[in-house]
Amino acid sequence: MKLNKTLLTLSLLSAANVASAGEVEVLHWWTAGGEAKSAAVLKDMLEQQNHTWKDFAVAGGGGESAMTVLKTRAVSGNPPSAAQIKGHDIQEWGGLGFLTSLDSTGKQENWDEILPSVVTKVMKFDGEYVAVPVNVHRVNWIWANPEVLKKAGVELPTTLDEFFVAAEKIKAAGYVPLAHGGQPWQDATVFEAVALDVLGSEDYNKAFVDLDMSVLSGDKMVEVFTKFQKIRDYIDANSPGRDWNVATSMVINGEAAMQIMGDWAKGEFTAAGKVPGKDYICAPAPGTAGQFTFNIDSFAFFELSDKGNQKAQQDLARTILTKDFQEVFNLNKGSIPVRLDMDMAKFDQCALDSMATFKASAKSGDLVPSMAHGLSTTSYAQGAIYDVVTNFFNDADADPQQAAQKLAKAVKAAI
């Protein structure tokens, strides 16, 4: 009799689970090796809770294509459950009334205590959580193949002047000095690394957070464009349109010496079975040691009408910030956990360095939001900067002085 009762209880429980189970449709752009593995982990964890995961992946590392698709879906009244959105865009979607509150889940899970305040500020709209951070990326990294450096007879450059000297020797040795994909967001990633070095953290913030016209058009910005232009001499002719992970594979395969790219590049090295310190080097982008340009991947959650899907949505938000997911995801992705109470024992030296600089730079004022990745300003101002930067980079005769003037004018028109 007791056994029958147990079986009845179990079947009622599983029936209740099925009844409360819902579907989450998740829009993201994690289609490259390390990123795709990370998305698969989240899918598995949600399916273990009896929910259904509907993958809505739109390729394109910067997410521009995904945002176009999302706008169409949201305006037609059919948004996904969650979408990879970050920075000021979260506030814009919140202001349009599309997002749902995650506050009850946030309180249950103590998000205010386990997340840095620089992060929670971005995830809330009108004081309530509407988005969940997945990780913290450091953008100002340089990745290098030690074998190629050795063959060219150079050390890894720590300043831009050293970079130009090393790049000449690497080019003479028959290798591509800098692997790069000619896409606007990748151009902007290299540009902001140069800007962080030349401007320093304070003027970087004045330029890309405060949108200070005197800094945007000033002498230091002319120097940023001058050095950025010089970098172009060390990129191969096939760079236009190349995806970032293809550029990373050039470093992995020994075709190129270096790449300036965020730490998602590490996910590609990991997926290829490479070991940091042995097969590749990770270091701060030239001239930016002690500084940290942050990019936070996050999901914003949309208002849904179906009760089961609402439950699945809250469960997805909770799962993203569990220690288990934070560890597995960030080990795959190359980023660091966003929780401050994580055990970092399984993480490699690149991640440990990143976490140490993240915490130290938060105190020193050198923790700055990435312009290239949509954390420092609105999508309108960012779009204006992208246009000026990419047009400049693709014009061999462009004038740095004029470019700085154009930058200030374009940003002014966008705000």
Protein backbone atom coordinates (compact mmCIF):
# COMPACT_ATOMS: atom_id res chain seq x y z
CA MET A 1 0.00 0.00 0.00
CA LYS A 2 2.84 2.35 0.95
CA LEU A 3 4.56 1.70 -2.40
CA ASN A 4 1.36 2.55 -4.30
CA LYS A 5 1.07 5.79 -2.32
CA THR A 6 4.67 6.70 -3.19
CA LEU A 7 4.10 5.97 -6.87
CA LEU A 8 0.91 8.03 -6.81
CA THR A 9 2.76 10.95 -5.19
CA LEU A 10 5.57 10.75 -7.75
CA SER A 11 3.16 10.63 -10.68
CA LEU A 12 1.20 13.59 -9.28
CA LEU A 13 4.45 15.52 -8.83
CA SER A 14 5.61 14.82 -12.37
CA ALA A 15 2.14 15.72 -13.70
CA ALA A 16 2.33 19.00 -11.77
CA ASN A 17 5.78 19.63 -13.18
CA VAL A 18 4.60 19.01 -16.72
CA ALA A 19 1.61 21.27 -16.11
CA SER A 20 3.80 24.10 -14.82
CA ALA A 21 6.50 23.53 -17.42
CA GLY A 22 6.76 26.15 -20.08
CA GLU A 23 8.78 27.11 -23.10
CA VAL A 24 11.50 29.71 -23.30
CA GLU A 25 12.47 31.10 -26.64
CA VAL A 26 15.93 32.62 -26.30
CA LEU A 27 17.39 35.07 -28.80
CA HIS A 28 21.21 35.17 -28.77
CA TRP A 29 24.22 35.38 -31.08
CA TRP A 30 26.39 32.70 -29.49
CA THR A 31 27.13 30.62 -32.56
CA ALA A 32 30.97 30.30 -32.39
CA GLY A 33 32.72 27.32 -30.70
CA GLY A 34 33.15 28.33 -27.04
CA GLU A 35 29.99 30.41 -27.08
CA ALA A 36 27.81 27.71 -28.64
CA LYS A 37 29.00 25.23 -25.99
CA SER A 38 28.00 27.72 -23.29
CA ALA A 39 24.51 28.21 -24.72
CA ALA A 40 24.07 24.40 -24.85
CA VAL A 41 24.83 24.16 -21.10
CA LEU A 42 22.09 26.67 -20.26
CA LYS A 43 19.65 24.77 -22.49
CA ASP A 44 20.43 21.49 -20.68
CA MET A 45 20.01 23.04 -17.23
CA LEU A 46 16.63 24.47 -18.17
CA GLU A 47 15.43 21.23 -19.75
CA GLN A 48 16.34 19.43 -16.50
CA GLN A 49 13.64 21.61 -14.91
CA ASN A 50 11.13 20.17 -17.43
CA HIS A 51 10.95 23.34 -19.50
CA THR A 52 11.41 23.46 -23.27
CA TRP A 53 14.18 25.58 -24.79
CA LYS A 54 13.53 27.02 -28.23
CA ASP A 55 16.82 28.25 -29.66
CA PHE A 56 16.70 31.49 -31.60
CA ALA A 57 20.32 32.02 -32.63
CA VAL A 58 21.21 34.82 -35.03
CA ALA A 59 24.87 34.77 -36.12
CA GLY A 60 27.01 37.91 -35.92
CA GLY A 61 29.45 38.58 -33.08
CA GLY A 62 28.32 42.13 -32.33
CA GLY A 63 24.61 41.29 -32.26
CA GLU A 64 23.49 43.87 -34.87
CA SER A 65 21.56 41.27 -36.92
CA ALA A 66 19.93 39.87 -33.77
CA MET A 67 18.70 43.34 -32.74
CA THR A 68 17.10 43.91 -36.16
CA VAL A 69 15.20 40.61 -35.83
CA LEU A 70 14.19 41.39 -32.23
CA LYS A 71 12.70 44.78 -33.13
CA THR A 72 10.54 43.19 -35.83
CA ARG A 73 9.30 40.48 -33.44
CA ALA A 74 8.61 42.83 -30.52
CA VAL A 75 6.75 45.41 -32.60
CA SER A 76 4.53 42.67 -34.06
CA GLY A 77 3.59 41.59 -30.51
CA ASN A 78 5.51 38.31 -30.58
CA PRO A 79 8.73 38.84 -28.58
CA PRO A 80 10.93 35.94 -27.43
CA SER A 81 10.98 35.07 -23.69
CA ALA A 82 14.51 36.42 -23.32
CA ALA A 83 16.94 38.19 -25.61
CA GLN A 84 20.62 38.95 -25.37
CA ILE A 85 20.52 42.71 -24.77
CA LYS A 86 22.94 44.88 -22.87
CA GLY A 87 23.87 48.29 -21.60
CA HIS A 88 21.71 51.27 -22.47
CA ASP A 89 19.56 49.12 -24.76
CA ILE A 90 18.05 47.48 -21.65
CA GLN A 91 16.87 50.93 -20.49
CA GLU A 92 15.47 51.69 -23.94
CA TRP A 93 13.42 48.46 -24.05
CA GLY A 94 12.30 49.08 -20.45
CA GLY A 95 11.17 52.60 -21.35
CA LEU A 96 9.10 51.21 -24.23
CA GLY A 97 7.24 48.96 -21.75
CA PHE A 98 8.30 45.62 -23.25
CA LEU A 99 10.16 44.10 -20.28
CA THR A 100 8.89 42.06 -17.33
CA SER A 101 9.97 42.31 -13.68
CA LEU A 102 12.38 39.71 -12.27
CA ASP A 103 12.40 41.39 -8.85
CA SER A 104 10.76 38.59 -6.83
CA THR A 105 13.32 36.08 -8.17
CA GLY A 106 16.10 38.61 -7.54
CA LYS A 107 15.08 39.02 -3.89
CA GLN A 108 14.81 35.26 -3.31
CA GLU A 109 18.28 34.74 -4.80
CA ASN A 110 19.95 37.78 -3.12
CA TRP A 111 21.15 39.29 -6.39
CA ASP A 112 21.85 42.67 -4.75
CA GLU A 113 24.36 41.00 -2.41
CA ILE A 114 26.18 38.74 -4.88
CA LEU A 115 26.53 41.18 -7.82
CA PRO A 116 28.76 44.27 -8.11
CA SER A 117 26.77 47.54 -8.01
CA VAL A 118 28.32 48.63 -11.34
CA VAL A 119 26.47 45.61 -12.80
CA THR A 120 23.10 45.81 -10.99
CA LYS A 121 22.75 49.44 -12.11
CA VAL A 122 22.69 48.26 -15.73
CA MET A 123 20.25 45.37 -15.09
CA LYS A 124 17.48 47.40 -13.44
CA PHE A 125 14.82 49.64 -14.93
CA ASP A 126 12.87 51.89 -12.55
CA GLY A 127 14.59 50.15 -9.62
CA GLU A 128 13.49 46.62 -10.63
CA TYR A 129 15.49 43.83 -12.28
CA VAL A 130 14.41 43.36 -15.89
CA ALA A 131 17.63 41.68 -17.07
CA VAL A 132 20.19 39.20 -15.77
CA PRO A 133 23.97 39.44 -16.25
CA VAL A 134 25.73 36.32 -17.42
CA ASN A 135 29.38 37.31 -17.05
CA VAL A 136 31.99 40.02 -17.18
CA HIS A 137 34.22 40.25 -20.24
CA ARG A 138 37.45 42.19 -20.32
CA VAL A 139 37.69 43.70 -23.81
CA ASN A 140 41.22 45.18 -23.74
CA TRP A 141 43.19 41.97 -24.30
CA ILE A 142 45.85 41.02 -26.79
CA TRP A 143 46.17 37.34 -27.75
CA ALA A 144 49.43 36.04 -29.19
CA ASN A 145 51.03 32.91 -30.61
CA PRO A 146 54.41 32.54 -28.80
CA GLU A 147 55.82 30.35 -31.59
CA VAL A 148 55.24 33.06 -34.21
CA LEU A 149 56.73 35.74 -31.93
CA LYS A 150 59.79 33.53 -31.41
CA LYS A 151 60.24 32.91 -35.15
CA ALA A 152 60.08 36.68 -35.76
CA GLY A 153 62.54 37.28 -32.93
CA VAL A 154 60.25 39.55 -30.88
CA GLU A 155 58.76 39.74 -27.38
CA LEU A 156 55.08 40.43 -26.78
CA PRO A 157 54.67 44.25 -26.99
CA THR A 158 53.47 46.06 -23.85
CA THR A 159 53.14 49.54 -25.41
CA LEU A 160 51.90 50.74 -28.80
CA ASP A 161 55.39 51.91 -29.76
CA GLU A 162 56.70 48.39 -29.01
CA PHE A 163 53.76 46.97 -30.98
CA PHE A 164 54.74 48.89 -34.14
CA VAL A 165 58.40 47.81 -33.86
CA ALA A 166 57.42 44.14 -33.29
CA ALA A 167 54.80 44.23 -36.08
CA GLU A 168 57.45 45.34 -38.61
CA LYS A 169 59.64 42.35 -37.72
CA ILE A 170 56.70 39.92 -37.77
CA LYS A 171 55.67 41.19 -41.21
CA ALA A 172 59.28 40.81 -42.47
CA ALA A 173 59.27 37.21 -41.17
CA GLY A 174 56.27 36.43 -43.40
CA TYR A 175 53.43 36.38 -40.84
CA VAL A 176 50.35 38.57 -40.38
CA PRO A 177 51.19 40.79 -37.39
CA LEU A 178 47.56 41.43 -36.34
CA ALA A 179 44.63 39.13 -37.12
CA HIS A 180 41.55 41.28 -37.62
CA GLY A 181 38.05 41.04 -39.02
CA GLY A 182 36.97 44.10 -40.96
CA GLN A 183 33.55 44.59 -39.39
CA PRO A 184 32.49 47.86 -37.70
CA TRP A 185 32.33 46.39 -34.17
CA GLN A 186 35.78 44.80 -34.55
CA ASP A 187 37.24 48.08 -35.86
CA ALA A 188 35.71 49.81 -32.83
CA THR A 189 37.19 47.17 -30.48
CA VAL A 190 40.72 47.95 -31.66
CA PHE A 191 39.99 51.70 -31.73
CA GLU A 192 38.83 51.76 -28.10
CA ALA A 193 41.94 49.82 -26.97
CA VAL A 194 44.10 52.51 -28.59
CA ALA A 195 41.88 55.23 -27.07
CA LEU A 196 42.18 53.73 -23.58
CA ASP A 197 45.97 53.87 -23.83
CA VAL A 198 46.25 57.36 -25.36
CA LEU A 199 43.43 59.08 -23.44
CA GLY A 200 43.78 57.32 -20.08
CA SER A 201 40.75 56.14 -18.08
CA GLU A 202 39.48 59.60 -17.10
CA ASP A 203 39.43 61.08 -20.60
CA TYR A 204 38.17 57.76 -22.02
CA ASN A 205 35.10 58.18 -19.78
CA LYS A 206 34.76 61.84 -20.75
CA ALA A 207 34.79 60.86 -24.44
CA PHE A 208 32.61 57.74 -24.51
CA VAL A 209 30.41 58.02 -21.40
CA ASP A 210 29.97 61.78 -20.97
CA LEU A 211 30.31 62.42 -24.73
CA ASP A 212 32.44 65.48 -23.97
CA MET A 213 32.88 67.35 -27.28
CA SER A 214 36.23 68.92 -26.32
CA VAL A 215 37.74 65.46 -25.69
CA LEU A 216 36.08 63.89 -28.75
CA SER A 217 37.57 66.54 -31.02
CA GLY A 218 40.76 67.30 -29.05
CA ASP A 219 44.49 66.76 -29.70
CA LYS A 220 44.59 63.47 -27.80
CA MET A 221 41.79 62.10 -30.00
CA VAL A 222 43.79 63.13 -33.10
CA GLU A 223 46.64 61.04 -31.67
CA VAL A 224 44.23 58.11 -31.15
CA PHE A 225 43.24 58.24 -34.85
CA THR A 226 46.90 58.59 -35.93
CA LYS A 227 47.96 55.45 -34.04
CA PHE A 228 44.82 53.57 -35.05
CA GLN A 229 45.59 54.36 -38.71
CA LYS A 230 49.14 53.01 -38.33
CA ILE A 231 47.76 49.66 -37.07
CA ARG A 232 46.11 49.17 -40.46
CA ASP A 233 49.54 48.58 -42.03
CA TYR A 234 49.82 45.31 -40.08
CA ILE A 235 46.50 43.71 -41.07
CA ASP A 236 46.20 41.42 -44.10
CA ALA A 237 44.24 42.31 -47.24
CA ASN A 238 41.63 39.59 -46.65
CA SER A 239 40.37 41.17 -43.45
CA PRO A 240 37.14 42.86 -44.76
CA GLY A 241 34.04 40.95 -43.59
CA ARG A 242 36.01 38.30 -41.69
CA ASP A 243 34.31 37.02 -38.51
CA TRP A 244 36.20 37.53 -35.23
CA ASN A 245 36.55 33.79 -34.53
CA VAL A 246 38.13 33.24 -37.96
CA ALA A 247 40.69 35.93 -37.02
CA THR A 248 41.28 34.10 -33.71
CA SER A 249 41.89 30.85 -35.60
CA MET A 250 44.65 32.61 -37.57
CA VAL A 251 46.50 33.13 -34.27
CA ILE A 252 45.72 29.58 -33.12
CA ASN A 253 47.02 28.11 -36.42
CA GLY A 254 50.17 30.24 -36.50
CA GLU A 255 49.23 32.34 -39.57
CA ALA A 256 49.08 35.50 -37.46
CA ALA A 257 51.00 36.66 -34.38
CA MET A 258 48.41 38.64 -32.44
CA GLN A 259 44.76 39.69 -32.11
CA ILE A 260 43.25 42.53 -30.09
CA MET A 261 39.92 41.13 -28.96
CA GLY A 262 37.83 40.59 -25.83
CA ASP A 263 38.27 37.48 -23.73
CA TRP A 264 35.59 35.55 -25.63
CA ALA A 265 38.56 34.82 -27.94
CA LYS A 266 39.88 32.58 -25.17
CA GLY A 267 36.85 30.32 -25.66
CA GLU A 268 38.18 29.57 -29.15
CA PHE A 269 41.66 28.67 -27.82
CA THR A 270 40.04 26.45 -25.17
CA ALA A 271 37.78 24.75 -27.76
CA ALA A 272 40.92 24.06 -29.84
CA GLY A 273 42.57 22.37 -26.83
CA LYS A 274 45.17 25.12 -26.35
CA VAL A 275 46.76 25.92 -22.98
CA PRO A 276 47.44 29.52 -21.82
CA GLY A 277 51.09 30.31 -21.14
CA LYS A 278 52.17 27.42 -23.38
CA ASP A 279 50.24 27.55 -26.67
CA TYR A 280 49.12 31.15 -26.44
CA ILE A 281 49.67 34.33 -24.44
CA CYS A 282 46.96 36.55 -22.96
CA ALA A 283 47.98 40.06 -21.88
CA PRO A 284 46.46 43.54 -21.58
CA ALA A 285 46.22 45.38 -24.92
CA PRO A 286 49.37 47.52 -25.43
CA GLY A 287 49.53 50.39 -22.95
CA THR A 288 46.47 49.35 -20.92
CA ALA A 289 47.87 47.28 -18.03
CA GLY A 290 45.86 47.93 -14.86
CA GLN A 291 42.89 49.19 -16.88
CA PHE A 292 39.77 47.14 -17.57
CA THR A 293 37.25 47.81 -20.34
CA PHE A 294 34.19 45.83 -19.33
CA ASN A 295 31.49 44.25 -21.41
CA ILE A 296 28.64 42.41 -19.70
CA ASP A 297 26.61 39.81 -21.56
CA SER A 298 23.05 39.84 -20.29
CA PHE A 299 19.54 38.70 -21.09
CA ALA A 300 16.54 41.00 -20.88
CA PHE A 301 13.18 39.33 -20.24
CA PHE A 302 10.04 40.24 -22.17
CA GLU A 303 6.43 40.48 -20.99
CA LEU A 304 4.60 37.20 -21.77
CA SER A 305 0.94 36.19 -21.27
CA ASP A 306 1.23 32.39 -20.85
CA LYS A 307 1.57 31.36 -17.14
CA GLY A 308 3.74 28.30 -17.83
CA ASN A 309 6.06 30.35 -20.01
CA GLN A 310 6.25 33.04 -17.31
CA LYS A 311 7.39 30.39 -14.80
CA ALA A 312 9.98 29.05 -17.28
CA GLN A 313 11.19 32.60 -17.78
CA GLN A 314 11.78 33.20 -14.04
CA ASP A 315 13.50 29.79 -13.77
CA LEU A 316 15.80 30.74 -16.65
CA ALA A 317 16.73 34.01 -14.90
CA ARG A 318 17.46 32.15 -11.64
CA THR A 319 19.50 29.43 -13.39
CA ILE A 320 21.76 31.94 -15.16
CA LEU A 321 23.05 33.26 -11.82
CA THR A 322 23.55 29.89 -10.06
CA LYS A 323 27.17 29.11 -9.15
CA ASP A 324 27.01 25.91 -11.25
CA PHE A 325 26.06 27.71 -14.44
CA GLN A 326 28.39 30.65 -13.76
CA GLU A 327 31.33 28.27 -13.47
CA VAL A 328 30.63 26.07 -16.50
CA PHE A 329 29.57 28.96 -18.72
CA ASN A 330 32.54 31.18 -18.00
CA LEU A 331 35.04 28.33 -18.28
CA ASN A 332 33.70 27.74 -21.80
CA LYS A 333 33.27 31.38 -22.78
CA GLY A 334 36.61 32.77 -21.62
CA SER A 335 34.97 35.42 -19.42
CA ILE A 336 34.84 35.69 -15.62
CA PRO A 337 31.81 35.06 -13.38
CA VAL A 338 29.71 38.07 -12.51
CA ARG A 339 29.12 36.80 -8.94
CA LEU A 340 31.61 38.13 -6.41
CA ASP A 341 31.42 35.00 -4.21
CA MET A 342 32.74 32.44 -6.70
CA ASP A 343 35.42 29.85 -6.09
CA MET A 344 37.91 30.47 -8.93
CA ALA A 345 39.90 27.22 -8.41
CA LYS A 346 39.03 25.78 -11.85
CA PHE A 347 39.88 28.97 -13.75
CA ASP A 348 43.14 29.51 -15.65
CA GLN A 349 45.70 32.26 -15.25
CA CYS A 350 44.05 34.53 -17.86
CA ALA A 351 40.78 34.46 -15.88
CA LEU A 352 42.55 34.91 -12.53
CA ASP A 353 44.42 37.94 -13.92
CA SER A 354 41.14 39.28 -15.29
CA MET A 355 39.31 38.91 -11.95
CA ALA A 356 42.20 40.53 -10.05
CA THR A 357 42.27 43.51 -12.45
CA PHE A 358 38.45 43.73 -12.40
CA LYS A 359 38.42 44.13 -8.60
CA ALA A 360 41.50 46.42 -8.47
CA SER A 361 40.35 48.69 -11.31
CA ALA A 362 36.92 49.11 -9.67
CA LYS A 363 38.79 50.76 -6.76
CA SER A 364 41.31 52.76 -8.84
CA GLY A 365 38.83 54.30 -11.30
CA ASP A 366 40.28 52.29 -14.20
CA LEU A 367 37.19 50.10 -14.69
CA VAL A 368 35.56 51.63 -17.78
CA PRO A 369 32.56 50.55 -19.87
CA SER A 370 33.19 49.37 -23.43
CA MET A 371 32.02 51.76 -26.14
CA ALA A 372 32.52 49.15 -28.87
CA HIS A 373 30.25 46.67 -27.08
CA GLY A 374 27.40 49.00 -26.14
CA LEU A 375 28.08 49.54 -22.45
CA SER A 376 29.23 53.17 -22.39
CA THR A 377 26.54 55.00 -24.32
CA THR A 378 23.32 54.75 -26.33
CA SER A 379 23.05 52.70 -29.50
CA TYR A 380 22.61 55.98 -31.44
CA ALA A 381 25.88 57.50 -30.22
CA GLN A 382 27.64 54.16 -30.64
CA GLY A 383 26.36 53.88 -34.23
CA ALA A 384 27.70 57.36 -35.00
CA ILE A 385 31.13 56.44 -33.57
CA TYR A 386 31.15 53.15 -35.53
CA ASP A 387 30.51 55.00 -38.82
CA VAL A 388 33.33 57.51 -38.31
CA VAL A 389 35.81 54.88 -37.06
CA THR A 390 35.14 52.34 -39.83
CA ASN A 391 35.08 54.89 -42.64
CA PHE A 392 38.37 56.29 -41.37
CA PHE A 393 39.97 52.84 -41.05
CA ASN A 394 38.98 51.86 -44.58
CA ASP A 395 40.27 55.04 -46.21
CA ALA A 396 44.05 54.97 -46.63
CA ASP A 397 44.14 58.75 -47.19
CA ALA A 398 41.93 59.72 -44.22
CA ASP A 399 43.14 62.63 -42.11
CA PRO A 400 43.25 62.06 -38.28
CA GLN A 401 42.58 65.75 -37.55
CA GLN A 402 39.44 65.72 -39.69
CA ALA A 403 38.39 62.37 -38.22
CA ALA A 404 38.38 63.80 -34.67
CA GLN A 405 36.22 66.73 -35.87
CA LYS A 406 33.87 64.32 -37.66
CA LEU A 407 33.64 62.16 -34.52
CA ALA A 408 32.48 65.06 -32.36
CA LYS A 409 29.99 66.25 -35.00
CA ALA A 410 28.55 62.76 -35.56
CA VAL A 411 28.11 62.13 -31.82
CA LYS A 412 26.52 65.56 -31.32
CA ALA A 413 24.02 64.83 -34.09
CA ALA A 414 23.16 61.44 -32.48
CA ILE A 415 22.34 62.75 -28.99
